[in-house]
Amino acid sequence: MMKVLDIAQWNRKEHYNFFSDYDDPFFGIVSEIECTKAYHIAKKEQVPFFAYYLYKSSLAINEIPEFKYRIINHKIVEFDKINAGATIAREDGTFGFSFIEFASDFNKFNLNLQKEIVITQSLNGLRFNKEAERVDTIHYSTLPWSAITSITHPRKFDKLYSVPKIVFGKEYVQGHKMYLPIAINVHHGLIDGIHISQYLEKFQEFMNYGTL
């Protein structure tokens, strides 16, 4: 479900009009999440760490209204929930797209994810289907080979494109703590730095929870 925002009454009207006129209205930052406790919980519960932090990130995204905004036919809409569109790696070195329906319950979310992993790894090519084109998602990728300090994305200069992109790097240890690098790219007409900070704070809060 989604609702259309009244742009005329929206307090971001001028921000949206200003940044939407840019050839590339996206901006991004790279940060990190402290994940020591979360990593040990995932290992203790014998669940994939990727599934665990993807779930926690999805929980955080759905707490921040601005991350639910999308541009459709020149209108601003807000979805009631945002799903995950993640790239899934294959043993041959390629990857495919997937669609993981959001669920507030970890077991249900992980079941959706594991089904998508099995399907995507059994196929060839990008698997760029109708669900991969859905805009009620976050486009997630993971670079598990190294920590990241910056990132760029291939992108068509379509001013109506508004799906945020989040990339996770390889977790690393510093001192006695473990960190997860995270790169976030968003449409500046919809999202500001404060909203990214709110997402990161909520993501960190959820990662610190002691249960699944």
N, C-alpha and C. Protein backbone atom coordinates (compact mmCIF):
# COMPACT_ATOMS: atom_id res chain seq x y z
N MET A 1 0.83 -1.19 0.00
CA MET A 1 0.00 0.00 0.00
C MET A 1 0.87 1.25 0.00
N MET A 2 0.34 2.30 -0.61
CA MET A 2 1.07 3.56 -0.62
C MET A 2 0.08 4.70 -0.62
N LYS A 3 0.57 5.88 -0.20
CA LYS A 3 -0.25 7.08 -0.24
C LYS A 3 0.53 8.17 -0.96
N VAL A 4 -0.19 9.06 -1.63
CA VAL A 4 0.44 10.16 -2.36
C VAL A 4 0.55 11.37 -1.45
N LEU A 5 1.75 11.94 -1.40
CA LEU A 5 1.96 13.14 -0.58
C LEU A 5 1.48 14.38 -1.34
N ASP A 6 0.96 15.33 -0.62
CA ASP A 6 0.57 16.62 -1.20
C ASP A 6 1.82 17.49 -1.23
N ILE A 7 2.46 17.55 -2.40
CA ILE A 7 3.72 18.28 -2.51
C ILE A 7 3.55 19.76 -2.16
N ALA A 8 2.41 20.32 -2.49
CA ALA A 8 2.17 21.74 -2.22
C ALA A 8 2.23 22.04 -0.73
N GLN A 9 1.85 21.06 0.10
CA GLN A 9 1.85 21.27 1.55
C GLN A 9 3.06 20.62 2.23
N TRP A 10 3.92 20.05 1.46
CA TRP A 10 5.07 19.31 1.99
C TRP A 10 6.17 20.28 2.41
N ASN A 11 6.74 20.10 3.60
CA ASN A 11 7.78 21.02 4.05
C ASN A 11 9.09 20.85 3.30
N ARG A 12 9.17 19.81 2.45
CA ARG A 12 10.36 19.60 1.61
C ARG A 12 10.10 20.00 0.15
N LYS A 13 9.06 20.72 -0.11
CA LYS A 13 8.72 21.06 -1.49
C LYS A 13 9.89 21.73 -2.22
N GLU A 14 10.48 22.77 -1.61
CA GLU A 14 11.56 23.49 -2.27
C GLU A 14 12.81 22.61 -2.38
N HIS A 15 13.07 21.81 -1.37
CA HIS A 15 14.22 20.90 -1.42
C HIS A 15 14.05 19.91 -2.57
N TYR A 16 12.85 19.36 -2.69
CA TYR A 16 12.58 18.39 -3.75
C TYR A 16 12.73 19.02 -5.13
N ASN A 17 12.12 20.18 -5.34
CA ASN A 17 12.20 20.85 -6.64
C ASN A 17 13.64 21.24 -6.98
N PHE A 18 14.38 21.68 -5.97
CA PHE A 18 15.77 22.10 -6.20
C PHE A 18 16.64 20.93 -6.63
N PHE A 19 16.65 19.86 -5.85
CA PHE A 19 17.57 18.75 -6.14
C PHE A 19 17.09 17.89 -7.31
N SER A 20 15.78 17.86 -7.55
CA SER A 20 15.27 17.06 -8.66
C SER A 20 15.65 17.63 -10.01
N ASP A 21 16.09 18.90 -10.02
CA ASP A 21 16.51 19.52 -11.27
C ASP A 21 17.94 19.15 -11.65
N TYR A 22 18.66 18.52 -10.72
CA TYR A 22 20.04 18.11 -11.00
C TYR A 22 20.07 16.90 -11.95
N ASP A 23 21.13 16.82 -12.75
CA ASP A 23 21.30 15.64 -13.59
C ASP A 23 21.47 14.39 -12.74
N ASP A 24 22.16 14.53 -11.63
CA ASP A 24 22.33 13.41 -10.70
C ASP A 24 21.98 13.90 -9.30
N PRO A 25 20.74 13.69 -8.86
CA PRO A 25 20.32 14.21 -7.55
C PRO A 25 20.70 13.31 -6.38
N PHE A 26 21.48 12.27 -6.63
CA PHE A 26 21.87 11.36 -5.55
C PHE A 26 23.13 11.86 -4.83
N PHE A 27 23.19 11.59 -3.53
CA PHE A 27 24.42 11.80 -2.78
C PHE A 27 24.61 10.60 -1.86
N GLY A 28 25.82 10.43 -1.34
CA GLY A 28 26.06 9.26 -0.51
C GLY A 28 27.12 9.50 0.54
N ILE A 29 27.09 8.64 1.55
CA ILE A 29 28.12 8.65 2.58
C ILE A 29 28.55 7.21 2.84
N VAL A 30 29.72 7.06 3.47
CA VAL A 30 30.19 5.76 3.94
C VAL A 30 30.39 5.87 5.44
N SER A 31 29.85 4.92 6.17
CA SER A 31 29.97 4.91 7.62
C SER A 31 30.24 3.47 8.07
N GLU A 32 29.95 3.21 9.33
CA GLU A 32 30.15 1.86 9.86
C GLU A 32 29.23 1.63 11.04
N ILE A 33 28.94 0.37 11.28
CA ILE A 33 28.12 -0.05 12.41
C ILE A 33 28.97 -0.97 13.28
N GLU A 34 28.95 -0.72 14.58
CA GLU A 34 29.65 -1.63 15.49
C GLU A 34 28.80 -2.89 15.65
N CYS A 35 29.39 -4.04 15.31
CA CYS A 35 28.58 -5.25 15.19
C CYS A 35 29.11 -6.42 16.01
N THR A 36 29.92 -6.15 17.04
CA THR A 36 30.52 -7.22 17.83
C THR A 36 29.44 -8.13 18.43
N LYS A 37 28.50 -7.52 19.14
CA LYS A 37 27.46 -8.30 19.80
C LYS A 37 26.58 -9.01 18.78
N ALA A 38 26.22 -8.31 17.72
CA ALA A 38 25.36 -8.90 16.70
C ALA A 38 26.02 -10.11 16.04
N TYR A 39 27.31 -10.00 15.77
CA TYR A 39 28.04 -11.09 15.14
C TYR A 39 28.02 -12.34 16.03
N HIS A 40 28.26 -12.15 17.31
CA HIS A 40 28.29 -13.29 18.23
C HIS A 40 26.90 -13.89 18.43
N ILE A 41 25.87 -13.05 18.40
CA ILE A 41 24.51 -13.57 18.49
C ILE A 41 24.18 -14.44 17.28
N ALA A 42 24.54 -13.96 16.10
CA ALA A 42 24.28 -14.73 14.88
C ALA A 42 25.00 -16.08 14.93
N LYS A 43 26.25 -16.08 15.38
CA LYS A 43 27.00 -17.32 15.46
C LYS A 43 26.38 -18.26 16.51
N LYS A 44 25.99 -17.71 17.65
CA LYS A 44 25.38 -18.51 18.71
C LYS A 44 24.08 -19.15 18.25
N GLU A 45 23.28 -18.38 17.52
CA GLU A 45 21.99 -18.87 17.04
C GLU A 45 22.11 -19.65 15.74
N GLN A 46 23.34 -19.73 15.21
CA GLN A 46 23.63 -20.48 13.98
C GLN A 46 22.79 -19.99 12.80
N VAL A 47 22.77 -18.67 12.66
CA VAL A 47 22.12 -18.07 11.50
C VAL A 47 23.17 -17.27 10.73
N PRO A 48 23.03 -17.16 9.42
CA PRO A 48 24.02 -16.40 8.64
C PRO A 48 24.08 -14.94 9.11
N PHE A 49 25.28 -14.44 9.28
CA PHE A 49 25.43 -13.06 9.72
C PHE A 49 24.82 -12.11 8.71
N PHE A 50 24.95 -12.42 7.41
CA PHE A 50 24.34 -11.58 6.37
C PHE A 50 22.83 -11.48 6.58
N ALA A 51 22.18 -12.61 6.86
CA ALA A 51 20.74 -12.60 7.08
C ALA A 51 20.38 -11.76 8.29
N TYR A 52 21.23 -11.85 9.32
CA TYR A 52 20.96 -11.15 10.57
C TYR A 52 21.05 -9.63 10.36
N TYR A 53 22.14 -9.15 9.73
CA TYR A 53 22.25 -7.70 9.61
C TYR A 53 21.36 -7.13 8.51
N LEU A 54 21.04 -7.94 7.49
CA LEU A 54 20.08 -7.48 6.49
C LEU A 54 18.70 -7.28 7.12
N TYR A 55 18.33 -8.19 7.99
CA TYR A 55 17.07 -8.09 8.72
C TYR A 55 17.06 -6.84 9.61
N LYS A 56 18.14 -6.63 10.36
CA LYS A 56 18.21 -5.47 11.25
C LYS A 56 18.18 -4.16 10.47
N SER A 57 18.85 -4.14 9.32
CA SER A 57 18.83 -2.95 8.47
C SER A 57 17.42 -2.68 7.96
N SER A 58 16.72 -3.75 7.56
CA SER A 58 15.36 -3.60 7.05
C SER A 58 14.42 -3.09 8.14
N LEU A 59 14.62 -3.56 9.36
CA LEU A 59 13.83 -3.04 10.48
C LEU A 59 14.04 -1.54 10.63
N ALA A 60 15.31 -1.12 10.57
CA ALA A 60 15.64 0.30 10.73
C ALA A 60 15.06 1.14 9.61
N ILE A 61 15.19 0.66 8.37
CA ILE A 61 14.66 1.39 7.21
C ILE A 61 13.17 1.67 7.40
N ASN A 62 12.44 0.67 7.88
CA ASN A 62 11.00 0.82 8.01
C ASN A 62 10.59 1.69 9.19
N GLU A 63 11.57 2.16 9.96
CA GLU A 63 11.30 3.09 11.05
C GLU A 63 11.44 4.55 10.60
N ILE A 64 12.05 4.78 9.42
CA ILE A 64 12.35 6.14 8.98
C ILE A 64 11.45 6.49 7.78
N PRO A 65 10.46 7.37 7.95
CA PRO A 65 9.51 7.66 6.87
C PRO A 65 10.17 8.08 5.56
N GLU A 66 11.23 8.88 5.64
CA GLU A 66 11.86 9.39 4.42
C GLU A 66 12.41 8.28 3.53
N PHE A 67 12.80 7.17 4.13
CA PHE A 67 13.30 6.04 3.34
C PHE A 67 12.17 5.26 2.67
N LYS A 68 10.94 5.64 2.97
CA LYS A 68 9.78 5.00 2.33
C LYS A 68 9.23 5.84 1.18
N TYR A 69 9.81 7.03 0.94
CA TYR A 69 9.35 7.89 -0.14
C TYR A 69 9.94 7.44 -1.48
N ARG A 70 9.11 7.51 -2.52
CA ARG A 70 9.56 7.23 -3.88
C ARG A 70 8.89 8.20 -4.84
N ILE A 71 9.50 8.38 -5.99
CA ILE A 71 8.93 9.22 -7.04
C ILE A 71 8.30 8.32 -8.09
N ILE A 72 7.01 8.45 -8.29
CA ILE A 72 6.29 7.66 -9.29
C ILE A 72 5.44 8.61 -10.12
N ASN A 73 5.72 8.65 -11.43
CA ASN A 73 4.96 9.52 -12.34
C ASN A 73 4.94 10.97 -11.85
N HIS A 74 6.10 11.44 -11.39
CA HIS A 74 6.30 12.81 -10.92
C HIS A 74 5.52 13.12 -9.64
N LYS A 75 5.05 12.10 -8.96
CA LYS A 75 4.38 12.28 -7.67
C LYS A 75 5.23 11.63 -6.58
N ILE A 76 5.14 12.18 -5.38
CA ILE A 76 5.84 11.60 -4.23
C ILE A 76 4.86 10.68 -3.52
N VAL A 77 5.25 9.43 -3.37
CA VAL A 77 4.41 8.47 -2.66
C VAL A 77 5.17 7.94 -1.45
N GLU A 78 4.43 7.51 -0.45
CA GLU A 78 5.02 6.88 0.72
C GLU A 78 4.43 5.47 0.85
N PHE A 79 5.30 4.46 0.84
CA PHE A 79 4.86 3.09 1.00
C PHE A 79 4.71 2.75 2.48
N ASP A 80 3.81 1.82 2.77
CA ASP A 80 3.62 1.43 4.17
C ASP A 80 4.74 0.52 4.66
N LYS A 81 5.42 -0.18 3.74
CA LYS A 81 6.58 -0.98 4.11
C LYS A 81 7.55 -1.03 2.95
N ILE A 82 8.82 -1.21 3.28
CA ILE A 82 9.88 -1.28 2.28
C ILE A 82 10.55 -2.65 2.38
N ASN A 83 10.68 -3.30 1.25
CA ASN A 83 11.28 -4.63 1.17
C ASN A 83 12.75 -4.54 0.80
N ALA A 84 13.39 -5.68 0.70
CA ALA A 84 14.82 -5.72 0.36
C ALA A 84 15.01 -6.30 -1.03
N GLY A 85 15.74 -5.59 -1.87
CA GLY A 85 16.15 -6.11 -3.16
C GLY A 85 17.65 -6.30 -3.13
N ALA A 86 18.09 -7.51 -2.86
CA ALA A 86 19.52 -7.77 -2.61
C ALA A 86 20.16 -8.56 -3.75
N THR A 87 21.42 -8.26 -4.02
CA THR A 87 22.18 -9.08 -4.95
C THR A 87 22.63 -10.35 -4.22
N ILE A 88 22.55 -11.49 -4.93
CA ILE A 88 22.91 -12.79 -4.36
C ILE A 88 24.07 -13.37 -5.17
N ALA A 89 25.16 -13.69 -4.50
CA ALA A 89 26.35 -14.21 -5.18
C ALA A 89 26.18 -15.69 -5.53
N ARG A 90 26.84 -16.08 -6.63
CA ARG A 90 26.87 -17.48 -7.05
C ARG A 90 28.30 -18.00 -7.04
N GLU A 91 28.45 -19.31 -7.03
CA GLU A 91 29.78 -19.92 -6.97
C GLU A 91 30.59 -19.63 -8.23
N ASP A 92 29.94 -19.34 -9.36
CA ASP A 92 30.69 -19.08 -10.59
C ASP A 92 31.18 -17.64 -10.68
N GLY A 93 30.97 -16.86 -9.61
CA GLY A 93 31.45 -15.48 -9.59
C GLY A 93 30.45 -14.46 -10.08
N THR A 94 29.29 -14.89 -10.58
CA THR A 94 28.26 -13.95 -11.01
C THR A 94 27.31 -13.69 -9.84
N PHE A 95 26.32 -12.86 -10.09
CA PHE A 95 25.29 -12.59 -9.09
C PHE A 95 23.96 -12.43 -9.78
N GLY A 96 22.91 -12.53 -8.99
CA GLY A 96 21.56 -12.29 -9.50
C GLY A 96 20.79 -11.42 -8.53
N PHE A 97 19.73 -10.81 -9.02
CA PHE A 97 18.88 -9.98 -8.17
C PHE A 97 17.86 -10.85 -7.42
N SER A 98 17.44 -10.36 -6.28
CA SER A 98 16.43 -11.07 -5.51
C SER A 98 15.45 -10.06 -4.92
N PHE A 99 14.32 -10.57 -4.46
CA PHE A 99 13.32 -9.75 -3.78
C PHE A 99 12.96 -10.44 -2.49
N ILE A 100 13.24 -9.79 -1.36
CA ILE A 100 12.94 -10.36 -0.05
C ILE A 100 11.85 -9.52 0.59
N GLU A 101 10.68 -10.10 0.72
CA GLU A 101 9.57 -9.38 1.34
C GLU A 101 9.88 -9.10 2.80
N PHE A 102 9.61 -7.88 3.23
CA PHE A 102 9.89 -7.50 4.61
C PHE A 102 8.97 -8.24 5.56
N ALA A 103 9.53 -8.67 6.68
CA ALA A 103 8.76 -9.24 7.79
C ALA A 103 9.41 -8.78 9.08
N SER A 104 8.60 -8.37 10.04
CA SER A 104 9.16 -7.90 11.30
C SER A 104 9.69 -9.04 12.16
N ASP A 105 9.27 -10.27 11.86
CA ASP A 105 9.76 -11.46 12.55
C ASP A 105 10.98 -12.00 11.82
N PHE A 106 12.10 -12.22 12.56
CA PHE A 106 13.33 -12.65 11.90
C PHE A 106 13.16 -13.98 11.19
N ASN A 107 12.53 -14.95 11.82
CA ASN A 107 12.41 -16.27 11.20
C ASN A 107 11.67 -16.21 9.88
N LYS A 108 10.63 -15.41 9.82
CA LYS A 108 9.88 -15.26 8.57
C LYS A 108 10.73 -14.52 7.53
N PHE A 109 11.42 -13.46 7.95
CA PHE A 109 12.29 -12.72 7.04
C PHE A 109 13.38 -13.64 6.49
N ASN A 110 14.01 -14.39 7.36
CA ASN A 110 15.10 -15.28 6.94
C ASN A 110 14.59 -16.38 6.02
N LEU A 111 13.39 -16.88 6.27
CA LEU A 111 12.81 -17.87 5.37
C LEU A 111 12.61 -17.29 3.97
N ASN A 112 12.11 -16.05 3.91
CA ASN A 112 11.96 -15.39 2.61
C ASN A 112 13.31 -15.22 1.92
N LEU A 113 14.33 -14.85 2.70
CA LEU A 113 15.67 -14.66 2.15
C LEU A 113 16.27 -15.96 1.65
N GLN A 114 16.19 -17.02 2.44
CA GLN A 114 16.80 -18.28 2.06
C GLN A 114 16.14 -18.88 0.81
N LYS A 115 14.83 -18.70 0.67
CA LYS A 115 14.14 -19.14 -0.55
C LYS A 115 14.68 -18.41 -1.77
N GLU A 116 14.88 -17.10 -1.62
CA GLU A 116 15.40 -16.30 -2.72
C GLU A 116 16.84 -16.70 -3.07
N ILE A 117 17.64 -17.01 -2.06
CA ILE A 117 19.02 -17.43 -2.30
C ILE A 117 19.04 -18.72 -3.10
N VAL A 118 18.23 -19.69 -2.72
CA VAL A 118 18.18 -20.98 -3.43
C VAL A 118 17.75 -20.78 -4.88
N ILE A 119 16.71 -19.99 -5.09
CA ILE A 119 16.21 -19.76 -6.45
C ILE A 119 17.25 -19.03 -7.29
N THR A 120 17.81 -17.96 -6.75
CA THR A 120 18.77 -17.15 -7.51
C THR A 120 20.03 -17.93 -7.85
N GLN A 121 20.51 -18.74 -6.92
CA GLN A 121 21.74 -19.51 -7.17
C GLN A 121 21.51 -20.68 -8.10
N SER A 122 20.25 -21.04 -8.33
CA SER A 122 19.95 -22.14 -9.25
C SER A 122 19.79 -21.67 -10.69
N LEU A 123 19.79 -20.35 -10.88
CA LEU A 123 19.57 -19.78 -12.20
C LEU A 123 20.83 -19.10 -12.72
N ASN A 124 20.79 -18.70 -13.98
CA ASN A 124 21.88 -17.94 -14.59
C ASN A 124 21.39 -16.52 -14.88
N GLY A 125 22.33 -15.64 -15.13
CA GLY A 125 21.97 -14.28 -15.52
C GLY A 125 21.57 -13.42 -14.34
N LEU A 126 21.10 -12.22 -14.64
CA LEU A 126 20.80 -11.23 -13.61
C LEU A 126 19.51 -11.49 -12.86
N ARG A 127 18.61 -12.24 -13.47
CA ARG A 127 17.29 -12.45 -12.88
C ARG A 127 16.58 -11.10 -12.68
N PHE A 128 16.64 -10.27 -13.73
CA PHE A 128 16.03 -8.95 -13.67
C PHE A 128 14.57 -9.07 -14.08
N ASN A 129 13.72 -9.43 -13.12
CA ASN A 129 12.31 -9.65 -13.39
C ASN A 129 11.47 -8.50 -12.84
N LYS A 130 10.16 -8.68 -12.84
CA LYS A 130 9.26 -7.60 -12.39
C LYS A 130 9.50 -7.25 -10.92
N GLU A 131 9.80 -8.26 -10.10
CA GLU A 131 10.02 -7.96 -8.70
C GLU A 131 11.32 -7.20 -8.49
N ALA A 132 12.32 -7.46 -9.35
CA ALA A 132 13.58 -6.72 -9.26
C ALA A 132 13.39 -5.25 -9.63
N GLU A 133 12.32 -4.96 -10.38
CA GLU A 133 12.04 -3.59 -10.79
C GLU A 133 11.16 -2.84 -9.79
N ARG A 134 10.70 -3.51 -8.77
CA ARG A 134 9.83 -2.84 -7.79
C ARG A 134 10.57 -1.71 -7.09
N VAL A 135 9.86 -0.62 -6.83
CA VAL A 135 10.49 0.53 -6.19
C VAL A 135 10.25 0.56 -4.68
N ASP A 136 9.38 -0.32 -4.18
CA ASP A 136 9.16 -0.37 -2.73
C ASP A 136 10.23 -1.25 -2.07
N THR A 137 11.47 -0.98 -2.43
CA THR A 137 12.60 -1.75 -1.94
C THR A 137 13.76 -0.82 -1.61
N ILE A 138 14.76 -1.39 -0.95
CA ILE A 138 16.10 -0.83 -0.89
C ILE A 138 16.97 -1.72 -1.72
N HIS A 139 17.80 -1.17 -2.58
CA HIS A 139 18.72 -1.98 -3.37
C HIS A 139 19.98 -2.24 -2.54
N TYR A 140 20.11 -3.47 -2.09
CA TYR A 140 21.22 -3.88 -1.24
C TYR A 140 22.27 -4.65 -2.05
N SER A 141 23.53 -4.39 -1.73
CA SER A 141 24.64 -5.20 -2.25
C SER A 141 25.64 -5.43 -1.12
N THR A 142 26.43 -6.45 -1.26
CA THR A 142 27.47 -6.75 -0.28
C THR A 142 28.79 -6.98 -1.00
N LEU A 143 29.85 -6.35 -0.50
CA LEU A 143 31.21 -6.59 -0.98
C LEU A 143 31.98 -7.28 0.13
N PRO A 144 31.89 -8.62 0.21
CA PRO A 144 32.43 -9.35 1.36
C PRO A 144 33.94 -9.55 1.34
N TRP A 145 34.61 -8.97 0.35
CA TRP A 145 36.04 -9.24 0.19
C TRP A 145 36.92 -8.20 0.88
N SER A 146 36.39 -7.02 1.11
CA SER A 146 37.21 -5.97 1.74
C SER A 146 36.32 -4.92 2.38
N ALA A 147 36.89 -4.22 3.36
CA ALA A 147 36.18 -3.08 3.93
C ALA A 147 36.12 -1.97 2.88
N ILE A 148 35.13 -1.11 2.96
CA ILE A 148 34.97 -0.05 1.98
C ILE A 148 35.06 1.32 2.65
N THR A 149 35.65 2.26 1.92
CA THR A 149 35.74 3.64 2.40
C THR A 149 35.05 4.62 1.45
N SER A 150 34.73 4.16 0.23
CA SER A 150 33.97 4.98 -0.72
C SER A 150 33.41 4.04 -1.77
N ILE A 151 32.42 4.53 -2.50
CA ILE A 151 31.81 3.69 -3.53
C ILE A 151 31.07 4.58 -4.52
N THR A 152 31.00 4.13 -5.77
CA THR A 152 30.15 4.76 -6.78
C THR A 152 29.26 3.67 -7.39
N HIS A 153 28.19 4.11 -8.05
CA HIS A 153 27.25 3.16 -8.64
C HIS A 153 27.03 3.48 -10.11
N PRO A 154 26.88 2.44 -10.95
CA PRO A 154 26.41 2.71 -12.30
C PRO A 154 24.95 3.13 -12.23
N ARG A 155 24.59 4.18 -12.97
CA ARG A 155 23.23 4.67 -12.85
C ARG A 155 22.81 5.42 -14.10
N LYS A 156 21.62 5.12 -14.59
CA LYS A 156 21.04 5.91 -15.66
C LYS A 156 20.57 7.24 -15.07
N PHE A 157 20.75 8.30 -15.81
CA PHE A 157 20.37 9.60 -15.30
C PHE A 157 18.87 9.83 -15.53
N ASP A 158 18.09 9.07 -14.79
CA ASP A 158 16.63 9.17 -14.80
C ASP A 158 16.22 9.92 -13.54
N LYS A 159 15.71 11.12 -13.71
CA LYS A 159 15.39 11.95 -12.56
C LYS A 159 14.23 11.41 -11.72
N LEU A 160 13.52 10.42 -12.25
CA LEU A 160 12.44 9.81 -11.48
C LEU A 160 12.92 8.61 -10.68
N TYR A 161 14.18 8.22 -10.90
CA TYR A 161 14.72 7.09 -10.14
C TYR A 161 14.97 7.55 -8.71
N SER A 162 14.47 6.77 -7.73
CA SER A 162 14.54 7.26 -6.35
C SER A 162 14.79 6.17 -5.32
N VAL A 163 15.14 4.96 -5.76
CA VAL A 163 15.35 3.86 -4.81
C VAL A 163 16.72 4.00 -4.16
N PRO A 164 16.79 4.08 -2.83
CA PRO A 164 18.09 4.16 -2.15
C PRO A 164 18.92 2.89 -2.38
N LYS A 165 20.24 3.07 -2.33
CA LYS A 165 21.17 1.95 -2.46
C LYS A 165 22.01 1.86 -1.19
N ILE A 166 22.13 0.65 -0.67
CA ILE A 166 22.95 0.41 0.51
C ILE A 166 23.90 -0.75 0.21
N VAL A 167 25.18 -0.52 0.47
CA VAL A 167 26.20 -1.55 0.23
C VAL A 167 26.93 -1.82 1.54
N PHE A 168 27.08 -3.10 1.87
CA PHE A 168 27.83 -3.51 3.04
C PHE A 168 29.19 -4.04 2.61
N GLY A 169 30.23 -3.63 3.32
CA GLY A 169 31.57 -4.16 3.08
C GLY A 169 31.87 -5.31 4.03
N LYS A 170 33.09 -5.78 3.97
CA LYS A 170 33.52 -6.88 4.84
C LYS A 170 33.72 -6.36 6.26
N GLU A 171 33.17 -7.10 7.21
CA GLU A 171 33.36 -6.71 8.61
C GLU A 171 34.83 -6.83 8.99
N TYR A 172 35.28 -5.99 9.90
CA TYR A 172 36.68 -6.00 10.31
C TYR A 172 36.78 -5.76 11.81
N VAL A 173 37.90 -6.18 12.38
CA VAL A 173 38.12 -6.04 13.82
C VAL A 173 39.12 -4.93 14.08
N GLN A 174 38.78 -4.08 15.04
CA GLN A 174 39.67 -3.01 15.48
C GLN A 174 39.64 -2.99 17.01
N GLY A 175 40.79 -3.27 17.62
CA GLY A 175 40.81 -3.43 19.06
C GLY A 175 40.07 -4.70 19.43
N HIS A 176 39.07 -4.55 20.29
CA HIS A 176 38.27 -5.70 20.70
C HIS A 176 36.86 -5.64 20.12
N LYS A 177 36.68 -4.78 19.12
CA LYS A 177 35.35 -4.64 18.54
C LYS A 177 35.36 -4.94 17.05
N MET A 178 34.19 -5.34 16.56
CA MET A 178 34.02 -5.64 15.14
C MET A 178 33.11 -4.58 14.52
N TYR A 179 33.44 -4.20 13.29
CA TYR A 179 32.69 -3.16 12.60
C TYR A 179 32.25 -3.63 11.22
N LEU A 180 31.09 -3.13 10.80
CA LEU A 180 30.54 -3.43 9.49
C LEU A 180 30.48 -2.15 8.67
N PRO A 181 31.29 -2.02 7.61
CA PRO A 181 31.21 -0.82 6.77
C PRO A 181 29.89 -0.78 6.01
N ILE A 182 29.39 0.43 5.80
CA ILE A 182 28.12 0.59 5.10
C ILE A 182 28.15 1.87 4.27
N ALA A 183 27.80 1.75 3.00
CA ALA A 183 27.70 2.89 2.09
C ALA A 183 26.24 3.11 1.73
N ILE A 184 25.80 4.35 1.80
CA ILE A 184 24.39 4.68 1.58
C ILE A 184 24.29 5.78 0.53
N ASN A 185 23.51 5.54 -0.52
CA ASN A 185 23.28 6.54 -1.56
C ASN A 185 21.78 6.78 -1.71
N VAL A 186 21.38 8.05 -1.70
CA VAL A 186 19.95 8.39 -1.69
C VAL A 186 19.68 9.61 -2.57
N HIS A 187 18.41 9.77 -2.94
CA HIS A 187 17.95 10.94 -3.70
C HIS A 187 17.81 12.11 -2.73
N HIS A 188 18.55 13.18 -3.00
CA HIS A 188 18.59 14.31 -2.07
C HIS A 188 17.28 15.09 -2.04
N GLY A 189 16.44 14.91 -3.04
CA GLY A 189 15.14 15.57 -3.01
C GLY A 189 14.21 14.94 -2.00
N LEU A 190 14.51 13.70 -1.59
CA LEU A 190 13.67 12.97 -0.65
C LEU A 190 14.30 12.79 0.72
N ILE A 191 15.62 12.71 0.75
CA ILE A 191 16.33 12.33 1.97
C ILE A 191 17.52 13.26 2.18
N ASP A 192 17.70 13.71 3.41
CA ASP A 192 18.85 14.53 3.79
C ASP A 192 19.79 13.73 4.68
N GLY A 193 20.89 14.37 5.04
CA GLY A 193 21.86 13.73 5.91
C GLY A 193 21.29 13.35 7.26
N ILE A 194 20.38 14.16 7.79
CA ILE A 194 19.80 13.87 9.09
C ILE A 194 19.01 12.57 9.07
N HIS A 195 18.38 12.28 7.93
CA HIS A 195 17.60 11.05 7.83
C HIS A 195 18.51 9.83 7.72
N ILE A 196 19.65 9.99 7.04
CA ILE A 196 20.63 8.91 7.01
C ILE A 196 21.15 8.65 8.41
N SER A 197 21.41 9.72 9.16
CA SER A 197 21.89 9.56 10.53
C SER A 197 20.85 8.86 11.40
N GLN A 198 19.58 9.19 11.20
CA GLN A 198 18.52 8.53 11.95
C GLN A 198 18.47 7.04 11.63
N TYR A 199 18.64 6.71 10.36
CA TYR A 199 18.68 5.29 9.98
C TYR A 199 19.86 4.58 10.63
N LEU A 200 21.04 5.20 10.59
CA LEU A 200 22.23 4.58 11.17
C LEU A 200 22.07 4.40 12.68
N GLU A 201 21.49 5.37 13.35
CA GLU A 201 21.27 5.26 14.79
C GLU A 201 20.30 4.12 15.11
N LYS A 202 19.24 4.02 14.33
CA LYS A 202 18.26 2.97 14.55
C LYS A 202 18.86 1.60 14.21
N PHE A 203 19.64 1.53 13.14
CA PHE A 203 20.31 0.29 12.75
C PHE A 203 21.25 -0.17 13.86
N GLN A 204 22.03 0.77 14.41
CA GLN A 204 22.93 0.43 15.51
C GLN A 204 22.15 -0.05 16.73
N GLU A 205 21.06 0.61 17.02
CA GLU A 205 20.22 0.21 18.15
C GLU A 205 19.72 -1.21 17.99
N PHE A 206 19.23 -1.54 16.80
CA PHE A 206 18.73 -2.89 16.56
C PHE A 206 19.85 -3.93 16.58
N MET A 207 21.03 -3.56 16.09
CA MET A 207 22.16 -4.50 16.10
C MET A 207 22.61 -4.79 17.52
N ASN A 208 22.33 -3.88 18.45
CA ASN A 208 22.73 -4.07 19.83
C ASN A 208 21.73 -4.91 20.63
N TYR A 209 20.56 -5.19 20.01
CA TYR A 209 19.58 -6.02 20.71
C TYR A 209 20.16 -7.40 20.96
N GLY A 210 19.84 -8.00 22.09
CA GLY A 210 20.43 -9.28 22.47
C GLY A 210 19.71 -10.50 21.96
N THR A 211 18.66 -10.33 21.15
CA THR A 211 17.93 -11.47 20.62
C THR A 211 17.68 -11.29 19.13
N LEU A 212 17.23 -12.37 18.50
CA LEU A 212 16.86 -12.28 17.09
C LEU A 212 15.57 -11.46 16.93
